[in-house]
């Protein structure tokens, strides 16, 4: 059991980003293409957080060219460079899966004041 705890402690980021459900975030991801490496930005609404510790993930949803795109990011991954919060949303649910069925302005989350 101690071996698992030590491995988890090594892979956890010291300063994990604060991610709230309903917030619009900008996630900077490290992408490798052959021998080159670049930073790609994915911006959208956080619709879910799962698990805890090393295996903690969050799901970000955006509409791209009229198609809904969701990506799941591990919080403690070395490929996630940084997570910026663009705006904070006011929600009353832990999972916002109902946004998948909504289109246009109905899919927006109100801003927290």
N, C-alpha and C. Protein backbone atom coordinates (compact mmCIF):
# COMPACT_ATOMS: atom_id res chain seq x y z
N UNK A 1 0.82 -1.20 0.00
CA UNK A 1 0.00 0.00 0.00
C UNK A 1 0.86 1.26 0.00
N UNK A 2 1.98 1.23 0.67
CA UNK A 2 2.87 2.39 0.72
C UNK A 2 3.45 2.71 -0.65
N UNK A 3 3.67 1.69 -1.47
CA UNK A 3 4.20 1.90 -2.82
C UNK A 3 3.21 2.71 -3.66
N UNK A 4 1.94 2.38 -3.56
CA UNK A 4 0.91 3.11 -4.32
C UNK A 4 0.85 4.56 -3.85
N UNK A 5 0.90 4.77 -2.55
CA UNK A 5 0.86 6.13 -2.02
C UNK A 5 2.04 6.96 -2.48
N UNK A 6 3.22 6.38 -2.54
CA UNK A 6 4.40 7.12 -2.98
C UNK A 6 4.33 7.46 -4.47
N UNK A 7 3.82 6.53 -5.28
CA UNK A 7 3.66 6.80 -6.71
C UNK A 7 2.64 7.91 -6.93
N UNK A 8 1.55 7.88 -6.20
CA UNK A 8 0.53 8.93 -6.31
C UNK A 8 1.09 10.28 -5.90
N UNK A 9 1.87 10.32 -4.84
CA UNK A 9 2.44 11.57 -4.35
C UNK A 9 3.42 12.16 -5.36
N UNK A 10 4.13 11.32 -6.11
CA UNK A 10 5.07 11.81 -7.12
C UNK A 10 4.36 12.44 -8.30
N UNK A 11 3.20 11.91 -8.67
CA UNK A 11 2.52 12.37 -9.88
C UNK A 11 1.52 13.50 -9.65
N UNK A 12 1.22 13.83 -8.40
CA UNK A 12 0.28 14.91 -8.11
C UNK A 12 0.98 16.24 -8.26
N UNK A 13 0.31 17.20 -8.94
CA UNK A 13 0.86 18.55 -9.06
C UNK A 13 0.74 19.26 -7.72
N UNK A 14 1.76 20.05 -7.38
CA UNK A 14 1.73 20.79 -6.12
C UNK A 14 0.64 21.85 -6.13
N UNK A 15 0.53 22.57 -7.24
CA UNK A 15 -0.46 23.63 -7.36
C UNK A 15 -1.47 23.23 -8.42
N UNK A 16 -2.45 22.43 -8.02
CA UNK A 16 -3.49 22.00 -8.95
C UNK A 16 -4.40 23.19 -9.25
N UNK A 17 -4.84 23.35 -10.50
CA UNK A 17 -5.72 24.47 -10.83
C UNK A 17 -7.09 24.34 -10.16
N UNK A 18 -7.68 25.47 -9.83
CA UNK A 18 -9.02 25.48 -9.24
C UNK A 18 -10.02 25.47 -10.38
N UNK A 19 -10.80 24.39 -10.45
CA UNK A 19 -11.75 24.21 -11.54
C UNK A 19 -13.14 24.07 -10.94
N UNK A 20 -14.06 24.95 -11.36
CA UNK A 20 -15.42 24.92 -10.85
C UNK A 20 -16.37 24.53 -11.98
N UNK A 21 -17.42 23.80 -11.62
CA UNK A 21 -18.42 23.39 -12.59
C UNK A 21 -19.15 24.63 -13.11
N UNK A 22 -19.40 24.69 -14.41
CA UNK A 22 -20.10 25.81 -15.02
C UNK A 22 -19.19 26.93 -15.47
N UNK A 23 -17.94 26.90 -15.07
CA UNK A 23 -17.00 27.95 -15.46
C UNK A 23 -16.56 27.76 -16.90
N UNK A 24 -16.27 28.86 -17.55
CA UNK A 24 -15.66 28.81 -18.87
C UNK A 24 -14.16 28.87 -18.67
N UNK A 25 -13.46 27.85 -19.17
CA UNK A 25 -12.03 27.76 -18.95
C UNK A 25 -11.28 27.68 -20.28
N UNK A 26 -10.02 28.06 -20.22
CA UNK A 26 -9.12 27.94 -21.37
C UNK A 26 -8.01 26.98 -20.94
N UNK A 27 -7.96 25.78 -21.56
CA UNK A 27 -7.00 24.75 -21.18
C UNK A 27 -5.86 24.75 -22.20
N UNK A 28 -4.64 24.90 -21.72
CA UNK A 28 -3.45 24.88 -22.58
C UNK A 28 -2.86 23.47 -22.52
N UNK A 29 -2.80 22.80 -23.69
CA UNK A 29 -2.37 21.41 -23.77
C UNK A 29 -1.09 21.34 -24.59
N UNK A 30 -0.15 20.50 -24.14
CA UNK A 30 1.08 20.25 -24.88
C UNK A 30 0.80 19.18 -25.92
N UNK A 31 1.04 19.48 -27.21
CA UNK A 31 0.77 18.54 -28.29
C UNK A 31 2.08 18.23 -29.00
N UNK A 32 2.37 16.93 -29.18
CA UNK A 32 3.57 16.50 -29.91
C UNK A 32 3.17 16.06 -31.31
N UNK A 33 3.85 16.62 -32.29
CA UNK A 33 3.64 16.23 -33.69
C UNK A 33 5.01 15.90 -34.27
N UNK A 34 5.31 14.61 -34.32
CA UNK A 34 6.64 14.19 -34.76
C UNK A 34 7.68 14.59 -33.73
N UNK A 35 8.65 15.40 -34.18
CA UNK A 35 9.69 15.86 -33.25
C UNK A 35 9.35 17.24 -32.69
N UNK A 36 8.30 17.87 -33.21
CA UNK A 36 7.93 19.21 -32.76
C UNK A 36 6.92 19.13 -31.62
N UNK A 37 6.94 20.17 -30.81
CA UNK A 37 6.01 20.27 -29.69
C UNK A 37 5.44 21.68 -29.67
N UNK A 38 4.11 21.77 -29.45
CA UNK A 38 3.48 23.09 -29.40
C UNK A 38 2.38 23.08 -28.35
N UNK A 39 1.86 24.26 -28.04
CA UNK A 39 0.78 24.42 -27.07
C UNK A 39 -0.51 24.69 -27.84
N UNK A 40 -1.55 23.90 -27.55
CA UNK A 40 -2.86 24.08 -28.18
C UNK A 40 -3.84 24.50 -27.09
N UNK A 41 -4.74 25.42 -27.42
CA UNK A 41 -5.69 25.95 -26.45
C UNK A 41 -7.08 25.41 -26.77
N UNK A 42 -7.77 24.92 -25.73
CA UNK A 42 -9.15 24.43 -25.87
C UNK A 42 -9.99 25.20 -24.87
N UNK A 43 -10.97 25.97 -25.36
CA UNK A 43 -11.80 26.79 -24.49
C UNK A 43 -13.23 26.29 -24.51
N UNK A 44 -13.83 26.18 -23.33
CA UNK A 44 -15.21 25.73 -23.24
C UNK A 44 -15.71 25.76 -21.81
N UNK A 45 -16.90 25.17 -21.61
CA UNK A 45 -17.55 25.15 -20.30
C UNK A 45 -17.26 23.84 -19.60
N UNK A 46 -16.91 23.90 -18.32
CA UNK A 46 -16.68 22.69 -17.52
C UNK A 46 -18.04 22.11 -17.17
N UNK A 47 -18.31 20.87 -17.63
CA UNK A 47 -19.60 20.25 -17.36
C UNK A 47 -19.52 19.15 -16.33
N UNK A 48 -18.31 18.68 -15.97
CA UNK A 48 -18.20 17.60 -14.99
C UNK A 48 -16.80 17.53 -14.41
N UNK A 49 -16.74 17.07 -13.15
CA UNK A 49 -15.48 16.70 -12.51
C UNK A 49 -15.67 15.30 -11.96
N UNK A 50 -14.64 14.47 -12.07
CA UNK A 50 -14.76 13.10 -11.60
C UNK A 50 -13.54 12.69 -10.80
N UNK A 51 -13.74 11.71 -9.92
CA UNK A 51 -12.69 11.08 -9.12
C UNK A 51 -11.99 12.07 -8.20
N UNK A 52 -10.82 11.72 -7.76
CA UNK A 52 -10.06 12.56 -6.86
C UNK A 52 -8.63 12.07 -6.84
N UNK A 53 -7.74 12.83 -6.25
CA UNK A 53 -6.34 12.43 -6.18
C UNK A 53 -5.68 12.49 -7.54
N UNK A 54 -4.89 11.48 -7.86
CA UNK A 54 -4.13 11.46 -9.10
C UNK A 54 -5.04 11.28 -10.31
N UNK A 55 -6.10 10.53 -10.16
CA UNK A 55 -6.97 10.20 -11.29
C UNK A 55 -8.09 11.22 -11.51
N UNK A 56 -7.98 12.40 -10.92
CA UNK A 56 -9.02 13.42 -11.05
C UNK A 56 -9.07 13.94 -12.48
N UNK A 57 -10.28 14.05 -13.04
CA UNK A 57 -10.46 14.55 -14.40
C UNK A 57 -11.57 15.59 -14.43
N UNK A 58 -11.57 16.41 -15.48
CA UNK A 58 -12.67 17.33 -15.72
C UNK A 58 -12.99 17.34 -17.20
N UNK A 59 -14.28 17.52 -17.50
CA UNK A 59 -14.77 17.48 -18.88
C UNK A 59 -15.12 18.90 -19.31
N UNK A 60 -14.62 19.28 -20.49
CA UNK A 60 -14.87 20.61 -21.04
C UNK A 60 -15.63 20.45 -22.35
N UNK A 61 -16.70 21.24 -22.52
CA UNK A 61 -17.54 21.16 -23.72
C UNK A 61 -17.56 22.52 -24.43
N UNK A 62 -17.50 22.45 -25.75
CA UNK A 62 -17.63 23.64 -26.57
C UNK A 62 -18.36 23.29 -27.86
N UNK A 63 -18.86 24.29 -28.55
CA UNK A 63 -19.50 24.10 -29.84
C UNK A 63 -18.51 24.57 -30.90
N UNK A 64 -18.13 23.67 -31.80
CA UNK A 64 -17.18 23.98 -32.85
C UNK A 64 -17.82 23.71 -34.21
N UNK A 65 -18.04 24.77 -34.98
CA UNK A 65 -18.66 24.68 -36.29
C UNK A 65 -20.01 23.97 -36.23
N UNK A 66 -20.79 24.28 -35.18
CA UNK A 66 -22.12 23.72 -35.04
C UNK A 66 -22.17 22.32 -34.46
N UNK A 67 -21.03 21.76 -34.09
CA UNK A 67 -20.97 20.41 -33.53
C UNK A 67 -20.42 20.50 -32.11
N UNK A 68 -21.07 19.81 -31.18
CA UNK A 68 -20.60 19.80 -29.81
C UNK A 68 -19.36 18.93 -29.66
N UNK A 69 -18.33 19.46 -29.03
CA UNK A 69 -17.07 18.74 -28.82
C UNK A 69 -16.77 18.73 -27.32
N UNK A 70 -16.53 17.53 -26.78
CA UNK A 70 -16.17 17.40 -25.37
C UNK A 70 -14.82 16.73 -25.25
N UNK A 71 -14.01 17.24 -24.35
CA UNK A 71 -12.71 16.63 -24.07
C UNK A 71 -12.58 16.42 -22.57
N UNK A 72 -11.98 15.31 -22.20
CA UNK A 72 -11.75 14.99 -20.79
C UNK A 72 -10.26 15.18 -20.53
N UNK A 73 -9.94 16.01 -19.53
CA UNK A 73 -8.56 16.31 -19.20
C UNK A 73 -8.22 15.81 -17.80
N UNK A 74 -7.11 15.10 -17.63
CA UNK A 74 -6.64 14.78 -16.28
C UNK A 74 -6.05 16.04 -15.64
N UNK A 75 -6.41 16.31 -14.41
CA UNK A 75 -5.95 17.52 -13.72
C UNK A 75 -4.43 17.48 -13.52
N UNK A 76 -3.90 16.32 -13.18
CA UNK A 76 -2.48 16.22 -12.81
C UNK A 76 -1.60 15.74 -13.97
N UNK A 77 -2.09 15.81 -15.20
CA UNK A 77 -1.30 15.38 -16.35
C UNK A 77 -0.19 16.39 -16.65
N UNK A 78 1.00 15.92 -17.01
CA UNK A 78 2.05 16.85 -17.40
C UNK A 78 1.77 17.52 -18.75
N UNK A 79 0.85 16.97 -19.54
CA UNK A 79 0.50 17.57 -20.82
C UNK A 79 -0.44 18.77 -20.67
N UNK A 80 -1.13 18.89 -19.56
CA UNK A 80 -1.97 20.06 -19.29
C UNK A 80 -1.06 21.11 -18.66
N UNK A 81 -0.71 22.12 -19.47
CA UNK A 81 0.25 23.12 -19.02
C UNK A 81 -0.38 24.06 -18.01
N UNK A 82 -1.55 24.64 -18.37
CA UNK A 82 -2.24 25.51 -17.42
C UNK A 82 -3.71 25.59 -17.77
N UNK A 83 -4.50 25.97 -16.77
CA UNK A 83 -5.94 26.12 -16.93
C UNK A 83 -6.30 27.52 -16.46
N UNK A 84 -6.80 28.35 -17.40
CA UNK A 84 -7.21 29.71 -17.07
C UNK A 84 -8.72 29.75 -16.94
N UNK A 85 -9.23 30.43 -15.94
CA UNK A 85 -10.66 30.62 -15.82
C UNK A 85 -11.03 31.94 -16.49
N UNK A 86 -11.87 31.85 -17.53
CA UNK A 86 -12.28 33.03 -18.28
C UNK A 86 -13.43 33.71 -17.55
N UNK A 87 -14.45 32.93 -17.15
CA UNK A 87 -15.57 33.45 -16.37
C UNK A 87 -16.16 32.35 -15.52
N UNK A 88 -16.73 32.74 -14.40
CA UNK A 88 -17.30 31.77 -13.47
C UNK A 88 -18.81 31.69 -13.70
N UNK A 89 -19.33 30.48 -13.69
CA UNK A 89 -20.75 30.27 -13.94
C UNK A 89 -21.51 29.96 -12.68
N UNK A 90 -22.80 30.34 -12.67
CA UNK A 90 -23.67 30.06 -11.54
C UNK A 90 -24.53 28.86 -11.89
N UNK A 91 -24.29 27.73 -11.22
CA UNK A 91 -25.04 26.51 -11.50
C UNK A 91 -25.47 25.87 -10.19
N UNK A 92 -26.46 24.97 -10.28
CA UNK A 92 -26.97 24.28 -9.10
C UNK A 92 -26.85 22.77 -9.24
N UNK A 93 -25.98 22.33 -10.12
CA UNK A 93 -25.79 20.90 -10.36
C UNK A 93 -24.29 20.58 -10.36
N UNK A 94 -23.98 19.33 -10.04
CA UNK A 94 -22.59 18.89 -10.07
C UNK A 94 -22.19 18.44 -11.47
N UNK A 95 -23.17 17.95 -12.25
CA UNK A 95 -22.91 17.52 -13.62
C UNK A 95 -23.88 18.28 -14.53
N UNK A 96 -23.37 18.88 -15.58
CA UNK A 96 -24.19 19.68 -16.48
C UNK A 96 -24.44 18.96 -17.81
N UNK A 97 -24.77 17.67 -17.73
CA UNK A 97 -24.98 16.89 -18.95
C UNK A 97 -26.21 17.37 -19.72
N UNK A 98 -27.12 18.09 -19.07
CA UNK A 98 -28.30 18.58 -19.75
C UNK A 98 -27.97 19.60 -20.83
N UNK A 99 -26.76 20.19 -20.79
CA UNK A 99 -26.36 21.16 -21.82
C UNK A 99 -26.17 20.49 -23.18
N UNK A 100 -25.99 19.17 -23.19
CA UNK A 100 -25.81 18.45 -24.46
C UNK A 100 -27.05 18.53 -25.34
N UNK A 101 -28.22 18.62 -24.73
CA UNK A 101 -29.47 18.65 -25.48
C UNK A 101 -29.89 20.05 -25.89
N UNK A 102 -29.18 21.06 -25.43
CA UNK A 102 -29.59 22.44 -25.70
C UNK A 102 -28.76 23.04 -26.83
N UNK A 103 -29.39 23.99 -27.53
CA UNK A 103 -28.76 24.61 -28.69
C UNK A 103 -28.81 26.12 -28.53
N UNK A 104 -27.78 26.80 -28.99
CA UNK A 104 -27.78 28.26 -29.02
C UNK A 104 -27.68 28.89 -27.65
N UNK A 105 -28.52 29.94 -27.42
CA UNK A 105 -28.45 30.67 -26.16
C UNK A 105 -28.94 29.83 -24.98
N UNK A 106 -29.75 28.82 -25.23
CA UNK A 106 -30.24 27.95 -24.15
C UNK A 106 -29.11 27.15 -23.52
N UNK A 107 -28.02 26.98 -24.26
CA UNK A 107 -26.88 26.19 -23.75
C UNK A 107 -25.92 27.04 -22.93
N UNK A 108 -26.24 28.32 -22.72
CA UNK A 108 -25.35 29.18 -21.95
C UNK A 108 -25.57 29.00 -20.47
N UNK A 109 -24.52 29.27 -19.70
CA UNK A 109 -24.57 29.24 -18.25
C UNK A 109 -24.48 30.67 -17.76
N UNK A 110 -25.36 31.05 -16.82
CA UNK A 110 -25.33 32.40 -16.27
C UNK A 110 -24.04 32.65 -15.52
N UNK A 111 -23.60 33.89 -15.54
CA UNK A 111 -22.34 34.27 -14.88
C UNK A 111 -22.58 34.55 -13.41
N UNK A 112 -21.64 34.10 -12.57
CA UNK A 112 -21.70 34.35 -11.14
C UNK A 112 -21.21 35.76 -10.88
N UNK A 113 -21.93 36.49 -10.06
CA UNK A 113 -21.55 37.87 -9.77
C UNK A 113 -20.66 37.99 -8.58
